[in-house]
Amino acid sequence: MESAPEVVEVANGPQAGTQDVGPRAVIRDTIHTTLNAGGYWLPIEGQHAIADAIVKLRNEEVEKWRRKAVDRGLELGRLQRTVELVEATAHSWLDDHNGTDCARAVLHALTAYQPKE
């Protein structure tokens, strides 16, 4: 009588011989594959140097975009605060001076085009 094959449980995790999937490794692998497909060869140190340069450029671009987003967010916050102050001033002017056409026009302009949520 044959016995059933023994099932061995293996913990999930990186397997021996698997490739790194980080950006630098993917770029280096792409360089290696592209060069080989074209019949060219470049020492591994050269491939790593190119991959490092590309990652550095990518990181610099990401940082530029992040800074631009932060600056725009701060600017929008300042603009929103300015609008709130103008609106409060117009309301105050209406309350203190029995209204004026100018204050009403300001309030109308501020409320005519409310941003969509």
N, C-alpha and C. Protein backbone atom coordinates (compact mmCIF):
# COMPACT_ATOMS: atom_id res chain seq x y z
N MET A 1 0.83 -1.15 0.00
CA MET A 1 0.00 0.00 0.00
C MET A 1 0.90 1.25 0.00
N GLU A 2 0.58 2.20 -0.91
CA GLU A 2 1.36 3.43 -0.99
C GLU A 2 0.79 4.48 -0.06
N SER A 3 1.67 5.21 0.57
CA SER A 3 1.19 6.28 1.45
C SER A 3 1.14 7.59 0.66
N ALA A 4 0.28 8.49 1.12
CA ALA A 4 0.14 9.80 0.47
C ALA A 4 1.43 10.59 0.67
N PRO A 5 1.78 11.41 -0.33
CA PRO A 5 2.99 12.22 -0.17
C PRO A 5 2.83 13.19 1.00
N GLU A 6 3.92 13.40 1.70
CA GLU A 6 3.89 14.28 2.85
C GLU A 6 3.85 15.74 2.39
N VAL A 7 2.97 16.54 2.98
CA VAL A 7 2.85 17.95 2.65
C VAL A 7 3.67 18.74 3.65
N VAL A 8 4.55 19.56 3.13
CA VAL A 8 5.41 20.36 3.99
C VAL A 8 4.93 21.80 3.90
N GLU A 9 4.65 22.41 5.04
CA GLU A 9 4.23 23.81 5.05
C GLU A 9 5.46 24.70 5.07
N VAL A 10 5.40 25.75 4.25
CA VAL A 10 6.50 26.70 4.16
C VAL A 10 5.95 28.08 4.51
N ALA A 11 6.68 28.80 5.30
CA ALA A 11 6.25 30.16 5.68
C ALA A 11 6.34 31.07 4.47
N ASN A 12 5.38 31.99 4.37
CA ASN A 12 5.43 32.99 3.29
C ASN A 12 6.59 33.93 3.53
N GLY A 13 7.16 34.42 2.46
CA GLY A 13 8.28 35.35 2.57
C GLY A 13 9.15 35.25 1.35
N PRO A 14 10.22 36.01 1.31
CA PRO A 14 11.10 35.96 0.15
C PRO A 14 11.69 34.57 -0.04
N GLN A 15 11.74 34.16 -1.26
CA GLN A 15 12.31 32.86 -1.58
C GLN A 15 13.76 33.05 -2.01
N ALA A 16 14.55 32.05 -1.78
CA ALA A 16 15.95 32.11 -2.18
C ALA A 16 16.03 32.26 -3.69
N GLY A 17 16.87 33.16 -4.12
CA GLY A 17 17.09 33.34 -5.55
C GLY A 17 16.10 34.29 -6.20
N THR A 18 15.21 34.91 -5.44
CA THR A 18 14.28 35.85 -6.05
C THR A 18 14.98 37.17 -6.30
N GLN A 19 14.46 37.92 -7.25
CA GLN A 19 15.06 39.19 -7.61
C GLN A 19 14.49 40.30 -6.74
N ASP A 20 15.33 41.30 -6.50
CA ASP A 20 14.89 42.51 -5.80
C ASP A 20 13.92 43.25 -6.72
N VAL A 21 12.86 43.80 -6.14
CA VAL A 21 11.88 44.52 -6.97
C VAL A 21 11.90 46.02 -6.68
N GLY A 22 12.92 46.51 -6.01
CA GLY A 22 13.05 47.95 -5.76
C GLY A 22 13.31 48.68 -7.07
N PRO A 23 13.06 49.99 -7.10
CA PRO A 23 13.23 50.78 -8.33
C PRO A 23 14.62 50.64 -8.93
N ARG A 24 15.64 50.69 -8.10
CA ARG A 24 17.02 50.59 -8.61
C ARG A 24 17.25 49.25 -9.30
N ALA A 25 16.76 48.17 -8.68
CA ALA A 25 16.94 46.83 -9.26
C ALA A 25 16.17 46.68 -10.56
N VAL A 26 14.96 47.22 -10.60
CA VAL A 26 14.15 47.13 -11.83
C VAL A 26 14.83 47.91 -12.96
N ILE A 27 15.34 49.09 -12.64
CA ILE A 27 16.03 49.90 -13.66
C ILE A 27 17.28 49.18 -14.12
N ARG A 28 18.07 48.63 -13.19
CA ARG A 28 19.29 47.92 -13.58
C ARG A 28 18.97 46.72 -14.44
N ASP A 29 17.90 45.99 -14.09
CA ASP A 29 17.49 44.83 -14.88
C ASP A 29 17.06 45.25 -16.28
N THR A 30 16.36 46.37 -16.38
CA THR A 30 15.93 46.88 -17.69
C THR A 30 17.14 47.26 -18.54
N ILE A 31 18.12 47.91 -17.91
CA ILE A 31 19.35 48.27 -18.63
C ILE A 31 20.04 47.01 -19.12
N HIS A 32 20.20 46.04 -18.23
CA HIS A 32 20.87 44.78 -18.59
C HIS A 32 20.15 44.09 -19.75
N THR A 33 18.83 43.95 -19.64
CA THR A 33 18.05 43.26 -20.67
C THR A 33 18.13 43.99 -22.01
N THR A 34 18.02 45.32 -21.96
CA THR A 34 18.06 46.12 -23.19
C THR A 34 19.43 46.02 -23.87
N LEU A 35 20.48 46.12 -23.08
CA LEU A 35 21.82 46.01 -23.67
C LEU A 35 22.04 44.62 -24.28
N ASN A 36 21.65 43.59 -23.54
CA ASN A 36 21.83 42.23 -24.05
C ASN A 36 21.04 42.01 -25.33
N ALA A 37 19.80 42.54 -25.38
CA ALA A 37 18.98 42.37 -26.58
C ALA A 37 19.62 43.05 -27.79
N GLY A 38 20.34 44.13 -27.53
CA GLY A 38 21.03 44.83 -28.61
C GLY A 38 22.40 44.27 -28.91
N GLY A 39 22.81 43.24 -28.20
CA GLY A 39 24.11 42.63 -28.43
C GLY A 39 25.26 43.37 -27.74
N TYR A 40 24.93 44.18 -26.74
CA TYR A 40 25.95 44.93 -26.03
C TYR A 40 26.16 44.35 -24.64
N TRP A 41 27.29 44.72 -24.07
CA TRP A 41 27.61 44.26 -22.72
C TRP A 41 28.18 45.44 -21.95
N LEU A 42 27.80 45.54 -20.69
CA LEU A 42 28.32 46.58 -19.81
C LEU A 42 28.57 45.93 -18.46
N PRO A 43 29.73 46.17 -17.86
CA PRO A 43 30.01 45.58 -16.55
C PRO A 43 28.91 45.97 -15.55
N ILE A 44 28.71 45.11 -14.56
CA ILE A 44 27.66 45.33 -13.56
C ILE A 44 27.83 46.65 -12.85
N GLU A 45 29.09 47.09 -12.64
CA GLU A 45 29.32 48.36 -11.98
C GLU A 45 28.77 49.52 -12.81
N GLY A 46 28.93 49.42 -14.12
CA GLY A 46 28.39 50.45 -15.02
C GLY A 46 26.87 50.45 -15.02
N GLN A 47 26.28 49.26 -14.99
CA GLN A 47 24.82 49.15 -14.93
C GLN A 47 24.30 49.77 -13.64
N HIS A 48 24.99 49.49 -12.53
CA HIS A 48 24.58 50.05 -11.24
C HIS A 48 24.74 51.58 -11.24
N ALA A 49 25.80 52.08 -11.85
CA ALA A 49 26.02 53.54 -11.90
C ALA A 49 24.89 54.23 -12.68
N ILE A 50 24.51 53.63 -13.80
CA ILE A 50 23.41 54.19 -14.59
C ILE A 50 22.11 54.14 -13.80
N ALA A 51 21.82 53.01 -13.17
CA ALA A 51 20.60 52.87 -12.38
C ALA A 51 20.58 53.88 -11.24
N ASP A 52 21.70 54.07 -10.57
CA ASP A 52 21.78 55.04 -9.47
C ASP A 52 21.50 56.46 -9.97
N ALA A 53 22.06 56.80 -11.14
CA ALA A 53 21.85 58.14 -11.70
C ALA A 53 20.37 58.35 -12.05
N ILE A 54 19.73 57.34 -12.61
CA ILE A 54 18.31 57.45 -12.97
C ILE A 54 17.45 57.58 -11.71
N VAL A 55 17.73 56.79 -10.69
CA VAL A 55 16.98 56.87 -9.43
C VAL A 55 17.15 58.25 -8.81
N LYS A 56 18.37 58.79 -8.85
CA LYS A 56 18.63 60.12 -8.28
C LYS A 56 17.81 61.17 -9.02
N LEU A 57 17.80 61.12 -10.35
CA LEU A 57 17.01 62.07 -11.14
C LEU A 57 15.52 61.94 -10.82
N ARG A 58 15.04 60.71 -10.71
CA ARG A 58 13.64 60.46 -10.39
C ARG A 58 13.30 61.04 -9.03
N ASN A 59 14.17 60.81 -8.05
CA ASN A 59 13.93 61.33 -6.70
C ASN A 59 13.92 62.86 -6.67
N GLU A 60 14.80 63.48 -7.46
CA GLU A 60 14.83 64.94 -7.54
C GLU A 60 13.53 65.47 -8.14
N GLU A 61 13.02 64.79 -9.18
CA GLU A 61 11.76 65.21 -9.79
C GLU A 61 10.60 65.03 -8.81
N VAL A 62 10.58 63.94 -8.08
CA VAL A 62 9.53 63.70 -7.09
C VAL A 62 9.57 64.80 -6.03
N GLU A 63 10.75 65.18 -5.59
CA GLU A 63 10.88 66.23 -4.57
C GLU A 63 10.39 67.57 -5.12
N LYS A 64 10.70 67.87 -6.39
CA LYS A 64 10.21 69.12 -6.99
C LYS A 64 8.69 69.15 -7.02
N TRP A 65 8.08 68.03 -7.42
CA TRP A 65 6.61 67.95 -7.46
C TRP A 65 6.03 68.06 -6.05
N ARG A 66 6.66 67.44 -5.06
CA ARG A 66 6.17 67.52 -3.69
C ARG A 66 6.21 68.95 -3.18
N ARG A 67 7.34 69.63 -3.43
CA ARG A 67 7.47 71.02 -2.99
C ARG A 67 6.43 71.91 -3.66
N LYS A 68 6.23 71.69 -4.96
CA LYS A 68 5.24 72.47 -5.70
C LYS A 68 3.84 72.25 -5.12
N ALA A 69 3.51 71.00 -4.79
CA ALA A 69 2.19 70.69 -4.21
C ALA A 69 2.03 71.36 -2.85
N VAL A 70 3.07 71.33 -2.03
CA VAL A 70 3.01 71.98 -0.71
C VAL A 70 2.82 73.48 -0.88
N ASP A 71 3.61 74.09 -1.78
CA ASP A 71 3.49 75.53 -2.01
C ASP A 71 2.09 75.90 -2.49
N ARG A 72 1.54 75.11 -3.39
CA ARG A 72 0.19 75.39 -3.90
C ARG A 72 -0.85 75.23 -2.79
N GLY A 73 -0.68 74.22 -1.95
CA GLY A 73 -1.59 74.03 -0.83
C GLY A 73 -1.55 75.22 0.12
N LEU A 74 -0.35 75.72 0.43
CA LEU A 74 -0.22 76.88 1.30
C LEU A 74 -0.85 78.11 0.66
N GLU A 75 -0.64 78.28 -0.63
CA GLU A 75 -1.21 79.43 -1.33
C GLU A 75 -2.74 79.35 -1.33
N LEU A 76 -3.28 78.16 -1.56
CA LEU A 76 -4.74 78.02 -1.52
C LEU A 76 -5.28 78.33 -0.13
N GLY A 77 -4.57 77.91 0.90
CA GLY A 77 -4.98 78.23 2.26
C GLY A 77 -5.00 79.72 2.52
N ARG A 78 -3.98 80.42 2.04
CA ARG A 78 -3.93 81.88 2.21
C ARG A 78 -5.06 82.55 1.44
N LEU A 79 -5.32 82.07 0.22
CA LEU A 79 -6.42 82.64 -0.57
C LEU A 79 -7.77 82.40 0.10
N GLN A 80 -7.97 81.20 0.63
CA GLN A 80 -9.21 80.89 1.32
C GLN A 80 -9.38 81.80 2.54
N ARG A 81 -8.31 82.01 3.29
CA ARG A 81 -8.38 82.89 4.46
C ARG A 81 -8.69 84.33 4.03
N THR A 82 -8.12 84.79 2.93
CA THR A 82 -8.40 86.13 2.43
C THR A 82 -9.88 86.27 2.08
N VAL A 83 -10.43 85.27 1.41
CA VAL A 83 -11.85 85.30 1.06
C VAL A 83 -12.70 85.35 2.32
N GLU A 84 -12.35 84.56 3.31
CA GLU A 84 -13.10 84.56 4.58
C GLU A 84 -13.06 85.93 5.24
N LEU A 85 -11.90 86.59 5.23
CA LEU A 85 -11.77 87.91 5.83
C LEU A 85 -12.59 88.95 5.07
N VAL A 86 -12.55 88.90 3.74
CA VAL A 86 -13.33 89.84 2.92
C VAL A 86 -14.82 89.64 3.17
N GLU A 87 -15.24 88.38 3.22
CA GLU A 87 -16.65 88.09 3.48
C GLU A 87 -17.07 88.60 4.86
N ALA A 88 -16.25 88.36 5.88
CA ALA A 88 -16.56 88.83 7.23
C ALA A 88 -16.63 90.36 7.27
N THR A 89 -15.71 91.00 6.57
CA THR A 89 -15.70 92.46 6.53
C THR A 89 -16.96 92.99 5.85
N ALA A 90 -17.37 92.36 4.76
CA ALA A 90 -18.58 92.79 4.06
C ALA A 90 -19.81 92.60 4.95
N HIS A 91 -19.90 91.47 5.64
CA HIS A 91 -21.02 91.24 6.57
C HIS A 91 -21.01 92.30 7.67
N SER A 92 -19.85 92.58 8.22
CA SER A 92 -19.73 93.56 9.28
C SER A 92 -20.16 94.94 8.78
N TRP A 93 -19.74 95.27 7.58
CA TRP A 93 -20.09 96.57 7.00
C TRP A 93 -21.60 96.68 6.82
N LEU A 94 -22.22 95.61 6.34
CA LEU A 94 -23.68 95.61 6.17
C LEU A 94 -24.38 95.81 7.52
N ASP A 95 -23.89 95.10 8.54
CA ASP A 95 -24.51 95.18 9.86
C ASP A 95 -24.33 96.56 10.49
N ASP A 96 -23.15 97.16 10.34
CA ASP A 96 -22.84 98.43 11.00
C ASP A 96 -23.35 99.66 10.25
N HIS A 97 -23.60 99.54 8.97
CA HIS A 97 -23.94 100.72 8.16
C HIS A 97 -25.28 100.58 7.45
N ASN A 98 -26.13 99.71 7.94
CA ASN A 98 -27.44 99.50 7.31
C ASN A 98 -27.30 99.12 5.84
N GLY A 99 -26.18 98.48 5.51
CA GLY A 99 -25.97 97.97 4.16
C GLY A 99 -25.53 99.03 3.19
N THR A 100 -24.76 98.63 2.22
CA THR A 100 -24.37 99.49 1.10
C THR A 100 -24.34 98.62 -0.13
N ASP A 101 -24.47 99.26 -1.27
CA ASP A 101 -24.43 98.51 -2.52
C ASP A 101 -23.08 97.81 -2.71
N CYS A 102 -22.00 98.45 -2.26
CA CYS A 102 -20.65 97.88 -2.41
C CYS A 102 -20.53 96.59 -1.59
N ALA A 103 -20.95 96.64 -0.33
CA ALA A 103 -20.85 95.44 0.51
C ALA A 103 -21.72 94.33 -0.03
N ARG A 104 -22.92 94.68 -0.50
CA ARG A 104 -23.80 93.66 -1.09
C ARG A 104 -23.17 93.06 -2.34
N ALA A 105 -22.53 93.88 -3.15
CA ALA A 105 -21.87 93.39 -4.37
C ALA A 105 -20.73 92.44 -4.02
N VAL A 106 -19.98 92.79 -2.97
CA VAL A 106 -18.88 91.91 -2.54
C VAL A 106 -19.44 90.57 -2.10
N LEU A 107 -20.48 90.58 -1.27
CA LEU A 107 -21.06 89.32 -0.80
C LEU A 107 -21.64 88.51 -1.95
N HIS A 108 -22.29 89.21 -2.88
CA HIS A 108 -22.85 88.50 -4.03
C HIS A 108 -21.72 87.84 -4.85
N ALA A 109 -20.65 88.58 -5.05
CA ALA A 109 -19.52 88.04 -5.82
C ALA A 109 -18.91 86.83 -5.12
N LEU A 110 -18.84 86.88 -3.80
CA LEU A 110 -18.24 85.77 -3.05
C LEU A 110 -19.13 84.54 -3.02
N THR A 111 -20.44 84.73 -3.05
CA THR A 111 -21.36 83.60 -2.93
C THR A 111 -21.90 83.13 -4.27
N ALA A 112 -21.66 83.86 -5.33
CA ALA A 112 -22.21 83.51 -6.64
C ALA A 112 -21.62 82.21 -7.18
N TYR A 113 -20.38 81.98 -6.94
CA TYR A 113 -19.70 80.79 -7.49
C TYR A 113 -19.07 80.01 -6.36
N GLN A 114 -19.87 79.33 -5.60
CA GLN A 114 -19.37 78.51 -4.51
C GLN A 114 -18.64 77.28 -5.06
N PRO A 115 -17.49 76.95 -4.49
CA PRO A 115 -16.78 75.75 -4.97
C PRO A 115 -17.61 74.50 -4.70
N LYS A 116 -17.52 73.56 -5.60
CA LYS A 116 -18.25 72.30 -5.45
C LYS A 116 -17.48 71.39 -4.50
N GLU A 117 -18.19 70.75 -3.63
CA GLU A 117 -17.57 69.83 -2.66
C GLU A 117 -17.29 68.51 -3.32
